[in-house]
PDBML (XML) file of the C-alpha atoms, coordinates in Angstrom:
<?xml version="1.0" encoding="UTF-8" ?>
<PDBx:datablock datablockName="MODEL"
   xmlns:PDBx="http://pdbml.pdb.org/schema/pdbx-v50.xsd"
   xmlns:xsi="http://www.w3.org/2001/XMLSchema-instance"
   xsi:schemaLocation="http://pdbml.pdb.org/schema/pdbx-v50.xsd pdbx-v50.xsd">
   <PDBx:atom_siteCategory>
      <PDBx:atom_site id="1">
         <PDBx:B_iso_or_equiv>0.00</PDBx:B_iso_or_equiv>
         <PDBx:Cartn_x>-32.305</PDBx:Cartn_x>
         <PDBx:Cartn_y>-12.498</PDBx:Cartn_y>
         <PDBx:Cartn_z>-129.394</PDBx:Cartn_z>
         <PDBx:auth_asym_id>A</PDBx:auth_asym_id>
         <PDBx:auth_atom_id>CA</PDBx:auth_atom_id>
         <PDBx:auth_comp_id>ALA</PDBx:auth_comp_id>
         <PDBx:auth_seq_id>1</PDBx:auth_seq_id>
         <PDBx:group_PDB>ATOM</PDBx:group_PDB>
         <PDBx:label_alt_id xsi:nil="true" />
         <PDBx:label_asym_id>A</PDBx:label_asym_id>
         <PDBx:label_atom_id>CA</PDBx:label_atom_id>
         <PDBx:label_comp_id>ALA</PDBx:label_comp_id>
         <PDBx:label_entity_id>1</PDBx:label_entity_id>
         <PDBx:label_seq_id>1</PDBx:label_seq_id>
         <PDBx:occupancy>1.00</PDBx:occupancy>
         <PDBx:pdbx_PDB_model_num>1</PDBx:pdbx_PDB_model_num>
         <PDBx:type_symbol>C</PDBx:type_symbol>
      </PDBx:atom_site>
      <PDBx:atom_site id="2">
         <PDBx:B_iso_or_equiv>0.00</PDBx:B_iso_or_equiv>
         <PDBx:Cartn_x>-35.550</PDBx:Cartn_x>
         <PDBx:Cartn_y>-14.361</PDBx:Cartn_y>
         <PDBx:Cartn_z>-130.078</PDBx:Cartn_z>
         <PDBx:auth_asym_id>A</PDBx:auth_asym_id>
         <PDBx:auth_atom_id>CA</PDBx:auth_atom_id>
         <PDBx:auth_comp_id>ILE</PDBx:auth_comp_id>
         <PDBx:auth_seq_id>2</PDBx:auth_seq_id>
         <PDBx:group_PDB>ATOM</PDBx:group_PDB>
         <PDBx:label_alt_id xsi:nil="true" />
         <PDBx:label_asym_id>A</PDBx:label_asym_id>
         <PDBx:label_atom_id>CA</PDBx:label_atom_id>
         <PDBx:label_comp_id>ILE</PDBx:label_comp_id>
         <PDBx:label_entity_id>1</PDBx:label_entity_id>
         <PDBx:label_seq_id>2</PDBx:label_seq_id>
         <PDBx:occupancy>1.00</PDBx:occupancy>
         <PDBx:pdbx_PDB_model_num>1</PDBx:pdbx_PDB_model_num>
         <PDBx:type_symbol>C</PDBx:type_symbol>
      </PDBx:atom_site>
      <PDBx:atom_site id="3">
         <PDBx:B_iso_or_equiv>0.00</PDBx:B_iso_or_equiv>
         <PDBx:Cartn_x>-37.252</PDBx:Cartn_x>
         <PDBx:Cartn_y>-12.791</PDBx:Cartn_y>
         <PDBx:Cartn_z>-127.039</PDBx:Cartn_z>
         <PDBx:auth_asym_id>A</PDBx:auth_asym_id>
         <PDBx:auth_atom_id>CA</PDBx:auth_atom_id>
         <PDBx:auth_comp_id>GLY</PDBx:auth_comp_id>
         <PDBx:auth_seq_id>3</PDBx:auth_seq_id>
         <PDBx:group_PDB>ATOM</PDBx:group_PDB>
         <PDBx:label_alt_id xsi:nil="true" />
         <PDBx:label_asym_id>A</PDBx:label_asym_id>
         <PDBx:label_atom_id>CA</PDBx:label_atom_id>
         <PDBx:label_comp_id>GLY</PDBx:label_comp_id>
         <PDBx:label_entity_id>1</PDBx:label_entity_id>
         <PDBx:label_seq_id>3</PDBx:label_seq_id>
         <PDBx:occupancy>1.00</PDBx:occupancy>
         <PDBx:pdbx_PDB_model_num>1</PDBx:pdbx_PDB_model_num>
         <PDBx:type_symbol>C</PDBx:type_symbol>
      </PDBx:atom_site>
      <PDBx:atom_site id="4">
         <PDBx:B_iso_or_equiv>0.00</PDBx:B_iso_or_equiv>
         <PDBx:Cartn_x>-36.194</PDBx:Cartn_x>
         <PDBx:Cartn_y>-9.296</PDBx:Cartn_y>
         <PDBx:Cartn_z>-128.066</PDBx:Cartn_z>
         <PDBx:auth_asym_id>A</PDBx:auth_asym_id>
         <PDBx:auth_atom_id>CA</PDBx:auth_atom_id>
         <PDBx:auth_comp_id>SER</PDBx:auth_comp_id>
         <PDBx:auth_seq_id>4</PDBx:auth_seq_id>
         <PDBx:group_PDB>ATOM</PDBx:group_PDB>
         <PDBx:label_alt_id xsi:nil="true" />
         <PDBx:label_asym_id>A</PDBx:label_asym_id>
         <PDBx:label_atom_id>CA</PDBx:label_atom_id>
         <PDBx:label_comp_id>SER</PDBx:label_comp_id>
         <PDBx:label_entity_id>1</PDBx:label_entity_id>
         <PDBx:label_seq_id>4</PDBx:label_seq_id>
         <PDBx:occupancy>1.00</PDBx:occupancy>
         <PDBx:pdbx_PDB_model_num>1</PDBx:pdbx_PDB_model_num>
         <PDBx:type_symbol>C</PDBx:type_symbol>
      </PDBx:atom_site>
      <PDBx:atom_site id="5">
         <PDBx:B_iso_or_equiv>0.00</PDBx:B_iso_or_equiv>
         <PDBx:Cartn_x>-37.460</PDBx:Cartn_x>
         <PDBx:Cartn_y>-9.951</PDBx:Cartn_y>
         <PDBx:Cartn_z>-131.595</PDBx:Cartn_z>
         <PDBx:auth_asym_id>A</PDBx:auth_asym_id>
         <PDBx:auth_atom_id>CA</PDBx:auth_atom_id>
         <PDBx:auth_comp_id>SER</PDBx:auth_comp_id>
         <PDBx:auth_seq_id>5</PDBx:auth_seq_id>
         <PDBx:group_PDB>ATOM</PDBx:group_PDB>
         <PDBx:label_alt_id xsi:nil="true" />
         <PDBx:label_asym_id>A</PDBx:label_asym_id>
         <PDBx:label_atom_id>CA</PDBx:label_atom_id>
         <PDBx:label_comp_id>SER</PDBx:label_comp_id>
         <PDBx:label_entity_id>1</PDBx:label_entity_id>
         <PDBx:label_seq_id>5</PDBx:label_seq_id>
         <PDBx:occupancy>1.00</PDBx:occupancy>
         <PDBx:pdbx_PDB_model_num>1</PDBx:pdbx_PDB_model_num>
         <PDBx:type_symbol>C</PDBx:type_symbol>
      </PDBx:atom_site>
      <PDBx:atom_site id="6">
         <PDBx:B_iso_or_equiv>0.00</PDBx:B_iso_or_equiv>
         <PDBx:Cartn_x>-40.837</PDBx:Cartn_x>
         <PDBx:Cartn_y>-11.183</PDBx:Cartn_y>
         <PDBx:Cartn_z>-130.290</PDBx:Cartn_z>
         <PDBx:auth_asym_id>A</PDBx:auth_asym_id>
         <PDBx:auth_atom_id>CA</PDBx:auth_atom_id>
         <PDBx:auth_comp_id>ALA</PDBx:auth_comp_id>
         <PDBx:auth_seq_id>6</PDBx:auth_seq_id>
         <PDBx:group_PDB>ATOM</PDBx:group_PDB>
         <PDBx:label_alt_id xsi:nil="true" />
         <PDBx:label_asym_id>A</PDBx:label_asym_id>
         <PDBx:label_atom_id>CA</PDBx:label_atom_id>
         <PDBx:label_comp_id>ALA</PDBx:label_comp_id>
         <PDBx:label_entity_id>1</PDBx:label_entity_id>
         <PDBx:label_seq_id>6</PDBx:label_seq_id>
         <PDBx:occupancy>1.00</PDBx:occupancy>
         <PDBx:pdbx_PDB_model_num>1</PDBx:pdbx_PDB_model_num>
         <PDBx:type_symbol>C</PDBx:type_symbol>
      </PDBx:atom_site>
      <PDBx:atom_site id="7">
         <PDBx:B_iso_or_equiv>0.00</PDBx:B_iso_or_equiv>
         <PDBx:Cartn_x>-41.244</PDBx:Cartn_x>
         <PDBx:Cartn_y>-7.998</PDBx:Cartn_y>
         <PDBx:Cartn_z>-128.241</PDBx:Cartn_z>
         <PDBx:auth_asym_id>A</PDBx:auth_asym_id>
         <PDBx:auth_atom_id>CA</PDBx:auth_atom_id>
         <PDBx:auth_comp_id>PHE</PDBx:auth_comp_id>
         <PDBx:auth_seq_id>7</PDBx:auth_seq_id>
         <PDBx:group_PDB>ATOM</PDBx:group_PDB>
         <PDBx:label_alt_id xsi:nil="true" />
         <PDBx:label_asym_id>A</PDBx:label_asym_id>
         <PDBx:label_atom_id>CA</PDBx:label_atom_id>
         <PDBx:label_comp_id>PHE</PDBx:label_comp_id>
         <PDBx:label_entity_id>1</PDBx:label_entity_id>
         <PDBx:label_seq_id>7</PDBx:label_seq_id>
         <PDBx:occupancy>1.00</PDBx:occupancy>
         <PDBx:pdbx_PDB_model_num>1</PDBx:pdbx_PDB_model_num>
         <PDBx:type_symbol>C</PDBx:type_symbol>
      </PDBx:atom_site>
      <PDBx:atom_site id="8">
         <PDBx:B_iso_or_equiv>0.00</PDBx:B_iso_or_equiv>
         <PDBx:Cartn_x>-40.318</PDBx:Cartn_x>
         <PDBx:Cartn_y>-5.846</PDBx:Cartn_y>
         <PDBx:Cartn_z>-131.244</PDBx:Cartn_z>
         <PDBx:auth_asym_id>A</PDBx:auth_asym_id>
         <PDBx:auth_atom_id>CA</PDBx:auth_atom_id>
         <PDBx:auth_comp_id>ALA</PDBx:auth_comp_id>
         <PDBx:auth_seq_id>8</PDBx:auth_seq_id>
         <PDBx:group_PDB>ATOM</PDBx:group_PDB>
         <PDBx:label_alt_id xsi:nil="true" />
         <PDBx:label_asym_id>A</PDBx:label_asym_id>
         <PDBx:label_atom_id>CA</PDBx:label_atom_id>
         <PDBx:label_comp_id>ALA</PDBx:label_comp_id>
         <PDBx:label_entity_id>1</PDBx:label_entity_id>
         <PDBx:label_seq_id>8</PDBx:label_seq_id>
         <PDBx:occupancy>1.00</PDBx:occupancy>
         <PDBx:pdbx_PDB_model_num>1</PDBx:pdbx_PDB_model_num>
         <PDBx:type_symbol>C</PDBx:type_symbol>
      </PDBx:atom_site>
      <PDBx:atom_site id="9">
         <PDBx:B_iso_or_equiv>0.00</PDBx:B_iso_or_equiv>
         <PDBx:Cartn_x>-42.777</PDBx:Cartn_x>
         <PDBx:Cartn_y>-7.589</PDBx:Cartn_y>
         <PDBx:Cartn_z>-133.577</PDBx:Cartn_z>
         <PDBx:auth_asym_id>A</PDBx:auth_asym_id>
         <PDBx:auth_atom_id>CA</PDBx:auth_atom_id>
         <PDBx:auth_comp_id>LEU</PDBx:auth_comp_id>
         <PDBx:auth_seq_id>9</PDBx:auth_seq_id>
         <PDBx:group_PDB>ATOM</PDBx:group_PDB>
         <PDBx:label_alt_id xsi:nil="true" />
         <PDBx:label_asym_id>A</PDBx:label_asym_id>
         <PDBx:label_atom_id>CA</PDBx:label_atom_id>
         <PDBx:label_comp_id>LEU</PDBx:label_comp_id>
         <PDBx:label_entity_id>1</PDBx:label_entity_id>
         <PDBx:label_seq_id>9</PDBx:label_seq_id>
         <PDBx:occupancy>1.00</PDBx:occupancy>
         <PDBx:pdbx_PDB_model_num>1</PDBx:pdbx_PDB_model_num>
         <PDBx:type_symbol>C</PDBx:type_symbol>
      </PDBx:atom_site>
      <PDBx:atom_site id="10">
         <PDBx:B_iso_or_equiv>0.00</PDBx:B_iso_or_equiv>
         <PDBx:Cartn_x>-45.563</PDBx:Cartn_x>
         <PDBx:Cartn_y>-7.371</PDBx:Cartn_y>
         <PDBx:Cartn_z>-131.018</PDBx:Cartn_z>
         <PDBx:auth_asym_id>A</PDBx:auth_asym_id>
         <PDBx:auth_atom_id>CA</PDBx:auth_atom_id>
         <PDBx:auth_comp_id>TRP</PDBx:auth_comp_id>
         <PDBx:auth_seq_id>10</PDBx:auth_seq_id>
         <PDBx:group_PDB>ATOM</PDBx:group_PDB>
         <PDBx:label_alt_id xsi:nil="true" />
         <PDBx:label_asym_id>A</PDBx:label_asym_id>
         <PDBx:label_atom_id>CA</PDBx:label_atom_id>
         <PDBx:label_comp_id>TRP</PDBx:label_comp_id>
         <PDBx:label_entity_id>1</PDBx:label_entity_id>
         <PDBx:label_seq_id>10</PDBx:label_seq_id>
         <PDBx:occupancy>1.00</PDBx:occupancy>
         <PDBx:pdbx_PDB_model_num>1</PDBx:pdbx_PDB_model_num>
         <PDBx:type_symbol>C</PDBx:type_symbol>
      </PDBx:atom_site>
      <PDBx:atom_site id="11">
         <PDBx:B_iso_or_equiv>0.00</PDBx:B_iso_or_equiv>
         <PDBx:Cartn_x>-44.926</PDBx:Cartn_x>
         <PDBx:Cartn_y>-3.663</PDBx:Cartn_y>
         <PDBx:Cartn_z>-130.501</PDBx:Cartn_z>
         <PDBx:auth_asym_id>A</PDBx:auth_asym_id>
         <PDBx:auth_atom_id>CA</PDBx:auth_atom_id>
         <PDBx:auth_comp_id>LEU</PDBx:auth_comp_id>
         <PDBx:auth_seq_id>11</PDBx:auth_seq_id>
         <PDBx:group_PDB>ATOM</PDBx:group_PDB>
         <PDBx:label_alt_id xsi:nil="true" />
         <PDBx:label_asym_id>A</PDBx:label_asym_id>
         <PDBx:label_atom_id>CA</PDBx:label_atom_id>
         <PDBx:label_comp_id>LEU</PDBx:label_comp_id>
         <PDBx:label_entity_id>1</PDBx:label_entity_id>
         <PDBx:label_seq_id>11</PDBx:label_seq_id>
         <PDBx:occupancy>1.00</PDBx:occupancy>
         <PDBx:pdbx_PDB_model_num>1</PDBx:pdbx_PDB_model_num>
         <PDBx:type_symbol>C</PDBx:type_symbol>
      </PDBx:atom_site>
      <PDBx:atom_site id="12">
         <PDBx:B_iso_or_equiv>0.00</PDBx:B_iso_or_equiv>
         <PDBx:Cartn_x>-44.889</PDBx:Cartn_x>
         <PDBx:Cartn_y>-2.649</PDBx:Cartn_y>
         <PDBx:Cartn_z>-134.180</PDBx:Cartn_z>
         <PDBx:auth_asym_id>A</PDBx:auth_asym_id>
         <PDBx:auth_atom_id>CA</PDBx:auth_atom_id>
         <PDBx:auth_comp_id>VAL</PDBx:auth_comp_id>
         <PDBx:auth_seq_id>12</PDBx:auth_seq_id>
         <PDBx:group_PDB>ATOM</PDBx:group_PDB>
         <PDBx:label_alt_id xsi:nil="true" />
         <PDBx:label_asym_id>A</PDBx:label_asym_id>
         <PDBx:label_atom_id>CA</PDBx:label_atom_id>
         <PDBx:label_comp_id>VAL</PDBx:label_comp_id>
         <PDBx:label_entity_id>1</PDBx:label_entity_id>
         <PDBx:label_seq_id>12</PDBx:label_seq_id>
         <PDBx:occupancy>1.00</PDBx:occupancy>
         <PDBx:pdbx_PDB_model_num>1</PDBx:pdbx_PDB_model_num>
         <PDBx:type_symbol>C</PDBx:type_symbol>
      </PDBx:atom_site>
      <PDBx:atom_site id="13">
         <PDBx:B_iso_or_equiv>0.00</PDBx:B_iso_or_equiv>
         <PDBx:Cartn_x>-48.114</PDBx:Cartn_x>
         <PDBx:Cartn_y>-4.566</PDBx:Cartn_y>
         <PDBx:Cartn_z>-134.858</PDBx:Cartn_z>
         <PDBx:auth_asym_id>A</PDBx:auth_asym_id>
         <PDBx:auth_atom_id>CA</PDBx:auth_atom_id>
         <PDBx:auth_comp_id>CYS</PDBx:auth_comp_id>
         <PDBx:auth_seq_id>13</PDBx:auth_seq_id>
         <PDBx:group_PDB>ATOM</PDBx:group_PDB>
         <PDBx:label_alt_id xsi:nil="true" />
         <PDBx:label_asym_id>A</PDBx:label_asym_id>
         <PDBx:label_atom_id>CA</PDBx:label_atom_id>
         <PDBx:label_comp_id>CYS</PDBx:label_comp_id>
         <PDBx:label_entity_id>1</PDBx:label_entity_id>
         <PDBx:label_seq_id>13</PDBx:label_seq_id>
         <PDBx:occupancy>1.00</PDBx:occupancy>
         <PDBx:pdbx_PDB_model_num>1</PDBx:pdbx_PDB_model_num>
         <PDBx:type_symbol>C</PDBx:type_symbol>
      </PDBx:atom_site>
      <PDBx:atom_site id="14">
         <PDBx:B_iso_or_equiv>0.00</PDBx:B_iso_or_equiv>
         <PDBx:Cartn_x>-50.158</PDBx:Cartn_x>
         <PDBx:Cartn_y>-2.471</PDBx:Cartn_y>
         <PDBx:Cartn_z>-132.434</PDBx:Cartn_z>
         <PDBx:auth_asym_id>A</PDBx:auth_asym_id>
         <PDBx:auth_atom_id>CA</PDBx:auth_atom_id>
         <PDBx:auth_comp_id>GLN</PDBx:auth_comp_id>
         <PDBx:auth_seq_id>14</PDBx:auth_seq_id>
         <PDBx:group_PDB>ATOM</PDBx:group_PDB>
         <PDBx:label_alt_id xsi:nil="true" />
         <PDBx:label_asym_id>A</PDBx:label_asym_id>
         <PDBx:label_atom_id>CA</PDBx:label_atom_id>
         <PDBx:label_comp_id>GLN</PDBx:label_comp_id>
         <PDBx:label_entity_id>1</PDBx:label_entity_id>
         <PDBx:label_seq_id>14</PDBx:label_seq_id>
         <PDBx:occupancy>1.00</PDBx:occupancy>
         <PDBx:pdbx_PDB_model_num>1</PDBx:pdbx_PDB_model_num>
         <PDBx:type_symbol>C</PDBx:type_symbol>
      </PDBx:atom_site>
      <PDBx:atom_site id="15">
         <PDBx:B_iso_or_equiv>0.00</PDBx:B_iso_or_equiv>
         <PDBx:Cartn_x>-52.711</PDBx:Cartn_x>
         <PDBx:Cartn_y>-0.090</PDBx:Cartn_y>
         <PDBx:Cartn_z>-133.938</PDBx:Cartn_z>
         <PDBx:auth_asym_id>A</PDBx:auth_asym_id>
         <PDBx:auth_atom_id>CA</PDBx:auth_atom_id>
         <PDBx:auth_comp_id>ARG</PDBx:auth_comp_id>
         <PDBx:auth_seq_id>15</PDBx:auth_seq_id>
         <PDBx:group_PDB>ATOM</PDBx:group_PDB>
         <PDBx:label_alt_id xsi:nil="true" />
         <PDBx:label_asym_id>A</PDBx:label_asym_id>
         <PDBx:label_atom_id>CA</PDBx:label_atom_id>
         <PDBx:label_comp_id>ARG</PDBx:label_comp_id>
         <PDBx:label_entity_id>1</PDBx:label_entity_id>
         <PDBx:label_seq_id>15</PDBx:label_seq_id>
         <PDBx:occupancy>1.00</PDBx:occupancy>
         <PDBx:pdbx_PDB_model_num>1</PDBx:pdbx_PDB_model_num>
         <PDBx:type_symbol>C</PDBx:type_symbol>
      </PDBx:atom_site>
      <PDBx:atom_site id="16">
         <PDBx:B_iso_or_equiv>0.00</PDBx:B_iso_or_equiv>
         <PDBx:Cartn_x>-50.830</PDBx:Cartn_x>
         <PDBx:Cartn_y>2.992</PDBx:Cartn_y>
         <PDBx:Cartn_z>-132.669</PDBx:Cartn_z>
         <PDBx:auth_asym_id>A</PDBx:auth_asym_id>
         <PDBx:auth_atom_id>CA</PDBx:auth_atom_id>
         <PDBx:auth_comp_id>ASP</PDBx:auth_comp_id>
         <PDBx:auth_seq_id>16</PDBx:auth_seq_id>
         <PDBx:group_PDB>ATOM</PDBx:group_PDB>
         <PDBx:label_alt_id xsi:nil="true" />
         <PDBx:label_asym_id>A</PDBx:label_asym_id>
         <PDBx:label_atom_id>CA</PDBx:label_atom_id>
         <PDBx:label_comp_id>ASP</PDBx:label_comp_id>
         <PDBx:label_entity_id>1</PDBx:label_entity_id>
         <PDBx:label_seq_id>16</PDBx:label_seq_id>
         <PDBx:occupancy>1.00</PDBx:occupancy>
         <PDBx:pdbx_PDB_model_num>1</PDBx:pdbx_PDB_model_num>
         <PDBx:type_symbol>C</PDBx:type_symbol>
      </PDBx:atom_site>
      <PDBx:atom_site id="17">
         <PDBx:B_iso_or_equiv>0.00</PDBx:B_iso_or_equiv>
         <PDBx:Cartn_x>-47.297</PDBx:Cartn_x>
         <PDBx:Cartn_y>3.688</PDBx:Cartn_y>
         <PDBx:Cartn_z>-131.489</PDBx:Cartn_z>
         <PDBx:auth_asym_id>A</PDBx:auth_asym_id>
         <PDBx:auth_atom_id>CA</PDBx:auth_atom_id>
         <PDBx:auth_comp_id>MET</PDBx:auth_comp_id>
         <PDBx:auth_seq_id>17</PDBx:auth_seq_id>
         <PDBx:group_PDB>ATOM</PDBx:group_PDB>
         <PDBx:label_alt_id xsi:nil="true" />
         <PDBx:label_asym_id>A</PDBx:label_asym_id>
         <PDBx:label_atom_id>CA</PDBx:label_atom_id>
         <PDBx:label_comp_id>MET</PDBx:label_comp_id>
         <PDBx:label_entity_id>1</PDBx:label_entity_id>
         <PDBx:label_seq_id>17</PDBx:label_seq_id>
         <PDBx:occupancy>1.00</PDBx:occupancy>
         <PDBx:pdbx_PDB_model_num>1</PDBx:pdbx_PDB_model_num>
         <PDBx:type_symbol>C</PDBx:type_symbol>
      </PDBx:atom_site>
      <PDBx:atom_site id="18">
         <PDBx:B_iso_or_equiv>0.00</PDBx:B_iso_or_equiv>
         <PDBx:Cartn_x>-47.167</PDBx:Cartn_x>
         <PDBx:Cartn_y>6.742</PDBx:Cartn_y>
         <PDBx:Cartn_z>-129.234</PDBx:Cartn_z>
         <PDBx:auth_asym_id>A</PDBx:auth_asym_id>
         <PDBx:auth_atom_id>CA</PDBx:auth_atom_id>
         <PDBx:auth_comp_id>PRO</PDBx:auth_comp_id>
         <PDBx:auth_seq_id>18</PDBx:auth_seq_id>
         <PDBx:group_PDB>ATOM</PDBx:group_PDB>
         <PDBx:label_alt_id xsi:nil="true" />
         <PDBx:label_asym_id>A</PDBx:label_asym_id>
         <PDBx:label_atom_id>CA</PDBx:label_atom_id>
         <PDBx:label_comp_id>PRO</PDBx:label_comp_id>
         <PDBx:label_entity_id>1</PDBx:label_entity_id>
         <PDBx:label_seq_id>18</PDBx:label_seq_id>
         <PDBx:occupancy>1.00</PDBx:occupancy>
         <PDBx:pdbx_PDB_model_num>1</PDBx:pdbx_PDB_model_num>
         <PDBx:type_symbol>C</PDBx:type_symbol>
      </PDBx:atom_site>
      <PDBx:atom_site id="19">
         <PDBx:B_iso_or_equiv>0.00</PDBx:B_iso_or_equiv>
         <PDBx:Cartn_x>-43.778</PDBx:Cartn_x>
         <PDBx:Cartn_y>8.358</PDBx:Cartn_y>
         <PDBx:Cartn_z>-128.683</PDBx:Cartn_z>
         <PDBx:auth_asym_id>A</PDBx:auth_asym_id>
         <PDBx:auth_atom_id>CA</PDBx:auth_atom_id>
         <PDBx:auth_comp_id>ARG</PDBx:auth_comp_id>
         <PDBx:auth_seq_id>19</PDBx:auth_seq_id>
         <PDBx:group_PDB>ATOM</PDBx:group_PDB>
         <PDBx:label_alt_id xsi:nil="true" />
         <PDBx:label_asym_id>A</PDBx:label_asym_id>
         <PDBx:label_atom_id>CA</PDBx:label_atom_id>
         <PDBx:label_comp_id>ARG</PDBx:label_comp_id>
         <PDBx:label_entity_id>1</PDBx:label_entity_id>
         <PDBx:label_seq_id>19</PDBx:label_seq_id>
         <PDBx:occupancy>1.00</PDBx:occupancy>
         <PDBx:pdbx_PDB_model_num>1</PDBx:pdbx_PDB_model_num>
         <PDBx:type_symbol>C</PDBx:type_symbol>
      </PDBx:atom_site>
      <PDBx:atom_site id="20">
         <PDBx:B_iso_or_equiv>0.00</PDBx:B_iso_or_equiv>
         <PDBx:Cartn_x>-43.560</PDBx:Cartn_x>
         <PDBx:Cartn_y>6.999</PDBx:Cartn_y>
         <PDBx:Cartn_z>-125.141</PDBx:Cartn_z>
         <PDBx:auth_asym_id>A</PDBx:auth_asym_id>
         <PDBx:auth_atom_id>CA</PDBx:auth_atom_id>
         <PDBx:auth_comp_id>LEU</PDBx:auth_comp_id>
         <PDBx:auth_seq_id>20</PDBx:auth_seq_id>
         <PDBx:group_PDB>ATOM</PDBx:group_PDB>
         <PDBx:label_alt_id xsi:nil="true" />
         <PDBx:label_asym_id>A</PDBx:label_asym_id>
         <PDBx:label_atom_id>CA</PDBx:label_atom_id>
         <PDBx:label_comp_id>LEU</PDBx:label_comp_id>
         <PDBx:label_entity_id>1</PDBx:label_entity_id>
         <PDBx:label_seq_id>20</PDBx:label_seq_id>
         <PDBx:occupancy>1.00</PDBx:occupancy>
         <PDBx:pdbx_PDB_model_num>1</PDBx:pdbx_PDB_model_num>
         <PDBx:type_symbol>C</PDBx:type_symbol>
      </PDBx:atom_site>
      <PDBx:atom_site id="21">
         <PDBx:B_iso_or_equiv>0.00</PDBx:B_iso_or_equiv>
         <PDBx:Cartn_x>-44.114</PDBx:Cartn_x>
         <PDBx:Cartn_y>3.442</PDBx:Cartn_y>
         <PDBx:Cartn_z>-126.368</PDBx:Cartn_z>
         <PDBx:auth_asym_id>A</PDBx:auth_asym_id>
         <PDBx:auth_atom_id>CA</PDBx:auth_atom_id>
         <PDBx:auth_comp_id>HIS</PDBx:auth_comp_id>
         <PDBx:auth_seq_id>21</PDBx:auth_seq_id>
         <PDBx:group_PDB>ATOM</PDBx:group_PDB>
         <PDBx:label_alt_id xsi:nil="true" />
         <PDBx:label_asym_id>A</PDBx:label_asym_id>
         <PDBx:label_atom_id>CA</PDBx:label_atom_id>
         <PDBx:label_comp_id>HIS</PDBx:label_comp_id>
         <PDBx:label_entity_id>1</PDBx:label_entity_id>
         <PDBx:label_seq_id>21</PDBx:label_seq_id>
         <PDBx:occupancy>1.00</PDBx:occupancy>
         <PDBx:pdbx_PDB_model_num>1</PDBx:pdbx_PDB_model_num>
         <PDBx:type_symbol>C</PDBx:type_symbol>
      </PDBx:atom_site>
      <PDBx:atom_site id="22">
         <PDBx:B_iso_or_equiv>0.00</PDBx:B_iso_or_equiv>
         <PDBx:Cartn_x>-41.425</PDBx:Cartn_x>
         <PDBx:Cartn_y>3.935</PDBx:Cartn_y>
         <PDBx:Cartn_z>-129.011</PDBx:Cartn_z>
         <PDBx:auth_asym_id>A</PDBx:auth_asym_id>
         <PDBx:auth_atom_id>CA</PDBx:auth_atom_id>
         <PDBx:auth_comp_id>LEU</PDBx:auth_comp_id>
         <PDBx:auth_seq_id>22</PDBx:auth_seq_id>
         <PDBx:group_PDB>ATOM</PDBx:group_PDB>
         <PDBx:label_alt_id xsi:nil="true" />
         <PDBx:label_asym_id>A</PDBx:label_asym_id>
         <PDBx:label_atom_id>CA</PDBx:label_atom_id>
         <PDBx:label_comp_id>LEU</PDBx:label_comp_id>
         <PDBx:label_entity_id>1</PDBx:label_entity_id>
         <PDBx:label_seq_id>22</PDBx:label_seq_id>
         <PDBx:occupancy>1.00</PDBx:occupancy>
         <PDBx:pdbx_PDB_model_num>1</PDBx:pdbx_PDB_model_num>
         <PDBx:type_symbol>C</PDBx:type_symbol>
      </PDBx:atom_site>
      <PDBx:atom_site id="23">
         <PDBx:B_iso_or_equiv>0.00</PDBx:B_iso_or_equiv>
         <PDBx:Cartn_x>-38.887</PDBx:Cartn_x>
         <PDBx:Cartn_y>5.171</PDBx:Cartn_y>
         <PDBx:Cartn_z>-126.441</PDBx:Cartn_z>
         <PDBx:auth_asym_id>A</PDBx:auth_asym_id>
         <PDBx:auth_atom_id>CA</PDBx:auth_atom_id>
         <PDBx:auth_comp_id>VAL</PDBx:auth_comp_id>
         <PDBx:auth_seq_id>23</PDBx:auth_seq_id>
         <PDBx:group_PDB>ATOM</PDBx:group_PDB>
         <PDBx:label_alt_id xsi:nil="true" />
         <PDBx:label_asym_id>A</PDBx:label_asym_id>
         <PDBx:label_atom_id>CA</PDBx:label_atom_id>
         <PDBx:label_comp_id>VAL</PDBx:label_comp_id>
         <PDBx:label_entity_id>1</PDBx:label_entity_id>
         <PDBx:label_seq_id>23</PDBx:label_seq_id>
         <PDBx:occupancy>1.00</PDBx:occupancy>
         <PDBx:pdbx_PDB_model_num>1</PDBx:pdbx_PDB_model_num>
         <PDBx:type_symbol>C</PDBx:type_symbol>
      </PDBx:atom_site>
      <PDBx:atom_site id="24">
         <PDBx:B_iso_or_equiv>0.00</PDBx:B_iso_or_equiv>
         <PDBx:Cartn_x>-39.610</PDBx:Cartn_x>
         <PDBx:Cartn_y>2.363</PDBx:Cartn_y>
         <PDBx:Cartn_z>-123.961</PDBx:Cartn_z>
         <PDBx:auth_asym_id>A</PDBx:auth_asym_id>
         <PDBx:auth_atom_id>CA</PDBx:auth_atom_id>
         <PDBx:auth_comp_id>LEU</PDBx:auth_comp_id>
         <PDBx:auth_seq_id>24</PDBx:auth_seq_id>
         <PDBx:group_PDB>ATOM</PDBx:group_PDB>
         <PDBx:label_alt_id xsi:nil="true" />
         <PDBx:label_asym_id>A</PDBx:label_asym_id>
         <PDBx:label_atom_id>CA</PDBx:label_atom_id>
         <PDBx:label_comp_id>LEU</PDBx:label_comp_id>
         <PDBx:label_entity_id>1</PDBx:label_entity_id>
         <PDBx:label_seq_id>24</PDBx:label_seq_id>
         <PDBx:occupancy>1.00</PDBx:occupancy>
         <PDBx:pdbx_PDB_model_num>1</PDBx:pdbx_PDB_model_num>
         <PDBx:type_symbol>C</PDBx:type_symbol>
      </PDBx:atom_site>
   </PDBx:atom_siteCategory>
</PDBx:datablock>
């Protein structure tokens, strides 16, 4: 759960979130 949360927080804090990144 903690690992999944770390990945999620890292992803949403990027400058952009293309659709492909959102799906993956």
